[in-house]
Amino acid sequence: MRYVLKYGELPIGIYNQISNNCVEYTVDKENIKKLQEEGVQLNPIIAKDYSGKEFPFLDNRIRNSKRFKNVEIGYHTDPIGLEEIE
């Protein structure tokens, strides 16, 4: 599965679940920089590229949101959301 990670409506990265044991997250450096220049304090974990076994910050949001039908992937407590892409 592939997802676009967004801060509000601004895309800030691509999250790719390659297999059950391998994930990859690539940031959109220009949009991250734009947010930082506006004074937005992003969690450092989503402000840099990542490749590894799991990414709990995003995996938990996906798993928790998928329990409900027709619910956007994310939490109501912050503007970070994911949108599934093909």
PDB file of N, CA and C in Angstrom:
ATOM      1  N   MET A   1       0.837  -1.171   0.000  1.00  0.00           N
ATOM      2  CA  MET A   1       0.000   0.000   0.000  1.00  0.00           C
ATOM      3  C   MET A   1       0.889   1.244   0.000  1.00  0.00           C
ATOM      4  N   ARG A   2       0.411   2.266  -0.666  1.00  0.00           N
ATOM      5  CA  ARG A   2       1.120   3.551  -0.712  1.00  0.00           C
ATOM      6  C   ARG A   2       0.177   4.644  -0.222  1.00  0.00           C
ATOM      7  N   TYR A   3       0.756   5.596   0.492  1.00  0.00           N
ATOM      8  CA  TYR A   3      -0.017   6.686   1.060  1.00  0.00           C
ATOM      9  C   TYR A   3       0.720   8.013   0.872  1.00  0.00           C
ATOM     10  N   VAL A   4      -0.050   9.075   0.714  1.00  0.00           N
ATOM     11  CA  VAL A   4       0.484  10.425   0.763  1.00  0.00           C
ATOM     12  C   VAL A   4       0.252  10.930   2.174  1.00  0.00           C
ATOM     13  N   LEU A   5       1.305  11.376   2.818  1.00  0.00           N
ATOM     14  CA  LEU A   5       1.180  11.965   4.145  1.00  0.00           C
ATOM     15  C   LEU A   5       0.968  13.462   3.958  1.00  0.00           C
ATOM     16  N   LYS A   6      -0.043  14.002   4.633  1.00  0.00           N
ATOM     17  CA  LYS A   6      -0.378  15.418   4.480  1.00  0.00           C
ATOM     18  C   LYS A   6      -0.411  16.120   5.830  1.00  0.00           C
ATOM     19  N   TYR A   7      -0.020  17.386   5.783  1.00  0.00           N
ATOM     20  CA  TYR A   7      -0.211  18.275   6.923  1.00  0.00           C
ATOM     21  C   TYR A   7      -1.313  19.220   6.490  1.00  0.00           C
ATOM     22  N   GLY A   8      -2.502  19.014   6.998  1.00  0.00           N
ATOM     23  CA  GLY A   8      -3.669  19.723   6.467  1.00  0.00           C
ATOM     24  C   GLY A   8      -3.900  19.233   5.045  1.00  0.00           C
ATOM     25  N   GLU A   9      -3.805  20.122   4.077  1.00  0.00           N
ATOM     26  CA  GLU A   9      -3.949  19.737   2.663  1.00  0.00           C
ATOM     27  C   GLU A   9      -2.609  19.683   1.937  1.00  0.00           C
ATOM     28  N   LEU A  10      -1.511  20.018   2.612  1.00  0.00           N
ATOM     29  CA  LEU A  10      -0.188  20.074   1.999  1.00  0.00           C
ATOM     30  C   LEU A  10       0.503  18.719   2.075  1.00  0.00           C
ATOM     31  N   PRO A  11       0.836  18.099   0.927  1.00  0.00           N
ATOM     32  CA  PRO A  11       1.556  16.820   0.954  1.00  0.00           C
ATOM     33  C   PRO A  11       2.974  17.006   1.480  1.00  0.00           C
ATOM     34  N   ILE A  12       3.350  16.186   2.455  1.00  0.00           N
ATOM     35  CA  ILE A  12       4.697  16.309   3.016  1.00  0.00           C
ATOM     36  C   ILE A  12       5.535  15.050   2.861  1.00  0.00           C
ATOM     37  N   GLY A  13       4.942  13.971   2.334  1.00  0.00           N
ATOM     38  CA  GLY A  13       5.723  12.755   2.145  1.00  0.00           C
ATOM     39  C   GLY A  13       4.922  11.627   1.525  1.00  0.00           C
ATOM     40  N   ILE A  14       5.648  10.581   1.128  1.00  0.00           N
ATOM     41  CA  ILE A  14       5.049   9.355   0.588  1.00  0.00           C
ATOM     42  C   ILE A  14       5.456   8.194   1.491  1.00  0.00           C
ATOM     43  N   TYR A  15       4.463   7.436   1.934  1.00  0.00           N
ATOM     44  CA  TYR A  15       4.700   6.265   2.777  1.00  0.00           C
ATOM     45  C   TYR A  15       4.346   5.027   1.978  1.00  0.00           C
ATOM     46  N   ASN A  16       5.292   4.116   1.862  1.00  0.00           N
ATOM     47  CA  ASN A  16       5.133   2.925   1.045  1.00  0.00           C
ATOM     48  C   ASN A  16       5.354   1.682   1.901  1.00  0.00           C
ATOM     49  N   GLN A  17       4.305   0.874   2.051  1.00  0.00           N
ATOM     50  CA  GLN A  17       4.429  -0.402   2.761  1.00  0.00           C
ATOM     51  C   GLN A  17       4.810  -1.447   1.710  1.00  0.00           C
ATOM     52  N   ILE A  18       6.101  -1.716   1.602  1.00  0.00           N
ATOM     53  CA  ILE A  18       6.614  -2.607   0.563  1.00  0.00           C
ATOM     54  C   ILE A  18       6.195  -4.046   0.831  1.00  0.00           C
ATOM     55  N   SER A  19       6.319  -4.484   2.071  1.00  0.00           N
ATOM     56  CA  SER A  19       5.888  -5.827   2.480  1.00  0.00           C
ATOM     57  C   SER A  19       5.592  -5.761   3.975  1.00  0.00           C
ATOM     58  N   ASN A  20       5.263  -6.902   4.569  1.00  0.00           N
ATOM     59  CA  ASN A  20       4.968  -6.924   6.006  1.00  0.00           C
ATOM     60  C   ASN A  20       6.168  -6.523   6.851  1.00  0.00           C
ATOM     61  N   ASN A  21       7.369  -6.704   6.320  1.00  0.00           N
ATOM     62  CA  ASN A  21       8.569  -6.426   7.108  1.00  0.00           C
ATOM     63  C   ASN A  21       9.410  -5.292   6.542  1.00  0.00           C
ATOM     64  N   CYS A  22       8.867  -4.513   5.625  1.00  0.00           N
ATOM     65  CA  CYS A  22       9.658  -3.451   5.027  1.00  0.00           C
ATOM     66  C   CYS A  22       8.777  -2.265   4.640  1.00  0.00           C
ATOM     67  N   VAL A  23       9.140  -1.088   5.150  1.00  0.00           N
ATOM     68  CA  VAL A  23       8.425   0.136   4.819  1.00  0.00           C
ATOM     69  C   VAL A  23       9.439   1.206   4.411  1.00  0.00           C
ATOM     70  N   GLU A  24       8.927   2.202   3.703  1.00  0.00           N
ATOM     71  CA  GLU A  24       9.785   3.296   3.254  1.00  0.00           C
ATOM     72  C   GLU A  24       8.982   4.590   3.303  1.00  0.00           C
ATOM     73  N   TYR A  25       9.591   5.622   3.843  1.00  0.00           N
ATOM     74  CA  TYR A  25       8.958   6.930   3.929  1.00  0.00           C
ATOM     75  C   TYR A  25       9.912   7.960   3.328  1.00  0.00           C
ATOM     76  N   THR A  26       9.411   8.722   2.355  1.00  0.00           N
ATOM     77  CA  THR A  26      10.210   9.746   1.686  1.00  0.00           C
ATOM     78  C   THR A  26       9.522  11.089   1.847  1.00  0.00           C
ATOM     79  N   VAL A  27      10.246  12.070   2.359  1.00  0.00           N
ATOM     80  CA  VAL A  27       9.655  13.385   2.597  1.00  0.00           C
ATOM     81  C   VAL A  27       9.720  14.256   1.348  1.00  0.00           C
ATOM     82  N   ASP A  28       8.796  15.201   1.285  1.00  0.00           N
ATOM     83  CA  ASP A  28       8.811  16.247   0.266  1.00  0.00           C
ATOM     84  C   ASP A  28       9.557  17.417   0.908  1.00  0.00           C
ATOM     85  N   LYS A  29      10.837  17.516   0.610  1.00  0.00           N
ATOM     86  CA  LYS A  29      11.702  18.476   1.289  1.00  0.00           C
ATOM     87  C   LYS A  29      11.237  19.930   1.122  1.00  0.00           C
ATOM     88  N   GLU A  30      10.718  20.267  -0.045  1.00  0.00           N
ATOM     89  CA  GLU A  30      10.257  21.638  -0.279  1.00  0.00           C
ATOM     90  C   GLU A  30       9.074  21.992   0.617  1.00  0.00           C
ATOM     91  N   ASN A  31       8.110  21.084   0.725  1.00  0.00           N
ATOM     92  CA  ASN A  31       6.936  21.365   1.555  1.00  0.00           C
ATOM     93  C   ASN A  31       7.261  21.337   3.048  1.00  0.00           C
ATOM     94  N   ILE A  32       8.193  20.462   3.449  1.00  0.00           N
ATOM     95  CA  ILE A  32       8.645  20.438   4.847  1.00  0.00           C
ATOM     96  C   ILE A  32       9.292  21.785   5.178  1.00  0.00           C
ATOM     97  N   LYS A  33      10.141  22.253   4.276  1.00  0.00           N
ATOM     98  CA  LYS A  33      10.818  23.538   4.485  1.00  0.00           C
ATOM     99  C   LYS A  33       9.808  24.684   4.561  1.00  0.00           C
ATOM    100  N   LYS A  34       8.799  24.632   3.690  1.00  0.00           N
ATOM    101  CA  LYS A  34       7.760  25.670   3.681  1.00  0.00           C
ATOM    102  C   LYS A  34       7.044  25.719   5.034  1.00  0.00           C
ATOM    103  N   LEU A  35       6.684  24.557   5.571  1.00  0.00           N
ATOM    104  CA  LEU A  35       6.014  24.519   6.873  1.00  0.00           C
ATOM    105  C   LEU A  35       6.916  25.052   7.983  1.00  0.00           C
ATOM    106  N   GLN A  36       8.183  24.663   7.952  1.00  0.00           N
ATOM    107  CA  GLN A  36       9.118  25.116   8.979  1.00  0.00           C
ATOM    108  C   GLN A  36       9.307  26.626   8.914  1.00  0.00           C
ATOM    109  N   GLU A  37       9.334  27.183   7.701  1.00  0.00           N
ATOM    110  CA  GLU A  37       9.461  28.637   7.543  1.00  0.00           C
ATOM    111  C   GLU A  37       8.223  29.363   8.079  1.00  0.00           C
ATOM    112  N   GLU A  38       7.070  28.693   8.038  1.00  0.00           N
ATOM    113  CA  GLU A  38       5.834  29.265   8.581  1.00  0.00           C
ATOM    114  C   GLU A  38       5.753  29.108  10.099  1.00  0.00           C
ATOM    115  N   GLY A  39       6.737  28.439  10.684  1.00  0.00           N
ATOM    116  CA  GLY A  39       6.772  28.271  12.133  1.00  0.00           C
ATOM    117  C   GLY A  39       6.121  27.004  12.643  1.00  0.00           C
ATOM    118  N   VAL A  40       5.752  26.094  11.742  1.00  0.00           N
ATOM    119  CA  VAL A  40       5.133  24.830  12.148  1.00  0.00           C
ATOM    120  C   VAL A  40       6.217  23.911  12.710  1.00  0.00           C
ATOM    121  N   GLN A  41       5.997  23.400  13.910  1.00  0.00           N
ATOM    122  CA  GLN A  41       6.919  22.477  14.545  1.00  0.00           C
ATOM    123  C   GLN A  41       6.464  21.048  14.271  1.00  0.00           C
ATOM    124  N   LEU A  42       7.060  20.408  13.270  1.00  0.00           N
ATOM    125  CA  LEU A  42       6.708  19.029  12.939  1.00  0.00           C
ATOM    126  C   LEU A  42       7.435  18.058  13.859  1.00  0.00           C
ATOM    127  N   ASN A  43       6.799  16.933  14.103  1.00  0.00           N
ATOM    128  CA  ASN A  43       7.477  15.860  14.813  1.00  0.00           C
ATOM    129  C   ASN A  43       8.705  15.480  13.988  1.00  0.00           C
ATOM    130  N   PRO A  44       9.891  15.440  14.580  1.00  0.00           N
ATOM    131  CA  PRO A  44      11.108  15.151  13.811  1.00  0.00           C
ATOM    132  C   PRO A  44      11.062  13.824  13.050  1.00  0.00           C
ATOM    133  N   ILE A  45      10.276  12.878  13.514  1.00  0.00           N
ATOM    134  CA  ILE A  45      10.215  11.578  12.860  1.00  0.00           C
ATOM    135  C   ILE A  45       9.585  11.662  11.461  1.00  0.00           C
ATOM    136  N   ILE A  46       8.719  12.630  11.218  1.00  0.00           N
ATOM    137  CA  ILE A  46       8.108  12.752   9.898  1.00  0.00           C
ATOM    138  C   ILE A  46       8.784  13.818   9.037  1.00  0.00           C
ATOM    139  N   ALA A  47       9.851  14.403   9.544  1.00  0.00           N
ATOM    140  CA  ALA A  47      10.565  15.439   8.795  1.00  0.00           C
ATOM    141  C   ALA A  47      11.811  14.909   8.105  1.00  0.00           C
ATOM    142  N   LYS A  48      12.030  13.581   8.157  1.00  0.00           N
ATOM    143  CA  LYS A  48      13.200  12.999   7.490  1.00  0.00           C
ATOM    144  C   LYS A  48      12.838  11.642   6.889  1.00  0.00           C
ATOM    145  N   ASP A  49      13.577  11.247   5.870  1.00  0.00           N
ATOM    146  CA  ASP A  49      13.352   9.969   5.191  1.00  0.00           C
ATOM    147  C   ASP A  49      13.588   8.814   6.161  1.00  0.00           C
ATOM    148  N   TYR A  50      12.914   7.693   5.878  1.00  0.00           N
ATOM    149  CA  TYR A  50      13.050   6.515   6.726  1.00  0.00           C
ATOM    150  C   TYR A  50      12.862   5.257   5.887  1.00  0.00           C
ATOM    151  N   SER A  51      13.607   4.237   6.217  1.00  0.00           N
ATOM    152  CA  SER A  51      13.450   2.917   5.605  1.00  0.00           C
ATOM    153  C   SER A  51      13.757   1.888   6.684  1.00  0.00           C
ATOM    154  N   GLY A  52      12.874   0.896   6.835  1.00  0.00           N
ATOM    155  CA  GLY A  52      13.102  -0.106   7.872  1.00  0.00           C
ATOM    156  C   GLY A  52      11.960  -1.087   7.983  1.00  0.00           C
ATOM    157  N   LYS A  53      11.870  -1.734   9.143  1.00  0.00           N
ATOM    158  CA  LYS A  53      10.878  -2.779   9.362  1.00  0.00           C
ATOM    159  C   LYS A  53       9.479  -2.232   9.584  1.00  0.00           C
ATOM    160  N   GLU A  54       9.360  -1.174  10.361  1.00  0.00           N
ATOM    161  CA  GLU A  54       8.048  -0.605  10.655  1.00  0.00           C
ATOM    162  C   GLU A  54       8.205   0.873  10.980  1.00  0.00           C
ATOM    163  N   PHE A  55       7.105   1.587  10.916  1.00  0.00           N
ATOM    164  CA  PHE A  55       7.084   3.017  11.209  1.00  0.00           C
ATOM    165  C   PHE A  55       5.857   3.245  12.084  1.00  0.00           C
ATOM    166  N   PRO A  56       5.967   2.977  13.405  1.00  0.00           N
ATOM    167  CA  PRO A  56       4.806   3.006  14.290  1.00  0.00           C
ATOM    168  C   PRO A  56       3.990   4.293  14.233  1.00  0.00           C
ATOM    169  N   PHE A  57       4.634   5.446  14.047  1.00  0.00           N
ATOM    170  CA  PHE A  57       3.908   6.714  14.006  1.00  0.00           C
ATOM    171  C   PHE A  57       2.821   6.684  12.938  1.00  0.00           C
ATOM    172  N   LEU A  58       3.120   6.114  11.779  1.00  0.00           N
ATOM    173  CA  LEU A  58       2.148   6.047  10.690  1.00  0.00           C
ATOM    174  C   LEU A  58       1.355   4.739  10.713  1.00  0.00           C
ATOM    175  N   ASP A  59       2.020   3.630  11.024  1.00  0.00           N
ATOM    176  CA  ASP A  59       1.340   2.332  11.044  1.00  0.00           C
ATOM    177  C   ASP A  59       0.160   2.332  12.016  1.00  0.00           C
ATOM    178  N   ASN A  60       0.336   2.936  13.173  1.00  0.00           N
ATOM    179  CA  ASN A  60      -0.746   2.978  14.164  1.00  0.00           C
ATOM    180  C   ASN A  60      -1.928   3.797  13.674  1.00  0.00           C
ATOM    181  N   ARG A  61      -1.668   4.898  13.003  1.00  0.00           N
ATOM    182  CA  ARG A  61      -2.756   5.718  12.453  1.00  0.00           C
ATOM    183  C   ARG A  61      -3.540   4.931  11.404  1.00  0.00           C
ATOM    184  N   ILE A  62      -2.821   4.234  10.555  1.00  0.00           N
ATOM    185  CA  ILE A  62      -3.480   3.455   9.506  1.00  0.00           C
ATOM    186  C   ILE A  62      -4.317   2.345  10.129  1.00  0.00           C
ATOM    187  N   ARG A  63      -3.717   1.585  11.018  1.00  0.00           N
ATOM    188  CA  ARG A  63      -4.420   0.463  11.650  1.00  0.00           C
ATOM    189  C   ARG A  63      -5.637   0.943  12.441  1.00  0.00           C
ATOM    190  N   ASN A  64      -5.494   1.988  13.237  1.00  0.00           N
ATOM    191  CA  ASN A  64      -6.602   2.478  14.060  1.00  0.00           C
ATOM    192  C   ASN A  64      -7.730   3.053  13.218  1.00  0.00           C
ATOM    193  N   SER A  65      -7.410   3.736  12.136  1.00  0.00           N
ATOM    194  CA  SER A  65      -8.446   4.343  11.293  1.00  0.00           C
ATOM    195  C   SER A  65      -9.164   3.310  10.428  1.00  0.00           C
ATOM    196  N   LYS A  66      -8.475   2.273  10.023  1.00  0.00           N
ATOM    197  CA  LYS A  66      -9.081   1.263   9.152  1.00  0.00           C
ATOM    198  C   LYS A  66     -10.120   0.409   9.885  1.00  0.00           C
ATOM    199  N   ARG A  67     -10.194   0.527  11.190  1.00  0.00           N
ATOM    200  CA  ARG A  67     -11.210  -0.219  11.939  1.00  0.00           C
ATOM    201  C   ARG A  67     -12.603   0.290  11.644  1.00  0.00           C
ATOM    202  N   PHE A  68     -12.699   1.530  11.162  1.00  0.00           N
ATOM    203  CA  PHE A  68     -13.985   2.158  10.909  1.00  0.00           C
ATOM    204  C   PHE A  68     -14.155   2.414   9.425  1.00  0.00           C
ATOM    205  N   LYS A  69     -15.364   2.264   8.930  1.00  0.00           N
ATOM    206  CA  LYS A  69     -15.636   2.502   7.512  1.00  0.00           C
ATOM    207  C   LYS A  69     -15.783   3.997   7.250  1.00  0.00           C
ATOM    208  N   ASN A  70     -15.310   4.410   6.073  1.00  0.00           N
ATOM    209  CA  ASN A  70     -15.466   5.793   5.605  1.00  0.00           C
ATOM    210  C   ASN A  70     -14.894   6.835   6.559  1.00  0.00           C
ATOM    211  N   VAL A  71     -13.773   6.510   7.200  1.00  0.00           N
ATOM    212  CA  VAL A  71     -13.107   7.446   8.091  1.00  0.00           C
ATOM    213  C   VAL A  71     -11.751   7.788   7.485  1.00  0.00           C
ATOM    214  N   GLU A  72     -11.411   9.074   7.503  1.00  0.00           N
ATOM    215  CA  GLU A  72     -10.107   9.477   7.007  1.00  0.00           C
ATOM    216  C   GLU A  72      -9.020   8.897   7.905  1.00  0.00           C
ATOM    217  N   ILE A  73      -7.856   8.637   7.321  1.00  0.00           N
ATOM    218  CA  ILE A  73      -6.754   8.065   8.083  1.00  0.00           C
ATOM    219  C   ILE A  73      -6.033   9.189   8.805  1.00  0.00           C
ATOM    220  N   GLY A  74      -6.132   9.188  10.106  1.00  0.00           N
ATOM    221  CA  GLY A  74      -5.506  10.209  10.937  1.00  0.00           C
ATOM    222  C   GLY A  74      -6.249  10.331  12.248  1.00  0.00           C
ATOM    223  N   TYR A  75      -5.811  11.275  13.052  1.00  0.00           N
ATOM    224  CA  TYR A  75      -6.447  11.516  14.342  1.00  0.00           C
ATOM    225  C   TYR A  75      -7.017  12.928  14.370  1.00  0.00           C
ATOM    226  N   HIS A  76      -8.080  13.125  15.094  1.00  0.00           N
ATOM    227  CA  HIS A  76      -8.686  14.455  15.197  1.00  0.00           C
ATOM    228  C   HIS A  76      -7.844  15.403  16.047  1.00  0.00           C
ATOM    229  N   THR A  77      -6.828  14.885  16.717  1.00  0.00           N
ATOM    230  CA  THR A  77      -6.017  15.689  17.619  1.00  0.00           C
ATOM    231  C   THR A  77      -4.892  16.453  16.927  1.00  0.00           C
ATOM    232  N   ASP A  78      -4.623  16.164  15.645  1.00  0.00           N
ATOM    233  CA  ASP A  78      -3.589  16.897  14.921  1.00  0.00           C
ATOM    234  C   ASP A  78      -3.908  16.914  13.424  1.00  0.00           C
ATOM    235  N   PRO A  79      -3.225  17.772  12.660  1.00  0.00           N
ATOM    236  CA  PRO A  79      -3.525  17.919  11.232  1.00  0.00           C
ATOM    237  C   PRO A  79      -2.820  16.905  10.325  1.00  0.00           C
ATOM    238  N   ILE A  80      -2.184  15.885  10.894  1.00  0.00           N
ATOM    239  CA  ILE A  80      -1.473  14.880  10.095  1.00  0.00           C
ATOM    240  C   ILE A  80      -2.472  13.830   9.626  1.00  0.00           C
ATOM    241  N   GLY A  81      -2.531  13.617   8.307  1.00  0.00           N
ATOM    242  CA  GLY A  81      -3.423  12.609   7.747  1.00  0.00           C
ATOM    243  C   GLY A  81      -2.764  11.872   6.602  1.00  0.00           C
ATOM    244  N   LEU A  82      -3.316  10.725   6.274  1.00  0.00           N
ATOM    245  CA  LEU A  82      -2.806   9.936   5.157  1.00  0.00           C
ATOM    246  C   LEU A  82      -3.927   9.698   4.163  1.00  0.00           C
ATOM    247  N   GLU A  83      -3.542   9.653   2.897  1.00  0.00           N
ATOM    248  CA  GLU A  83      -4.489   9.372   1.831  1.00  0.00           C
ATOM    249  C   GLU A  83      -3.909   8.234   0.994  1.00  0.00           C
ATOM    250  N   GLU A  84      -4.667   7.165   0.862  1.00  0.00           N
ATOM    251  CA  GLU A  84      -4.186   6.007   0.108  1.00  0.00           C
ATOM    252  C   GLU A  84      -4.131   6.324  -1.375  1.00  0.00           C
ATOM    253  N   ILE A  85      -3.043   5.932  -2.025  1.00  0.00           N
ATOM    254  CA  ILE A  85      -2.882   6.107  -3.471  1.00  0.00           C
ATOM    255  C   ILE A  85      -2.543   4.766  -4.084  1.00  0.00           C
ATOM    256  N   GLU A  86      -2.700   4.684  -5.395  1.00  0.00           N
ATOM    257  CA  GLU A  86      -2.400   3.420  -6.070  1.00  0.00           C
ATOM    258  C   GLU A  86      -1.085   3.490  -6.795  1.00  0.00           C
TER     259      GLU A  86
END
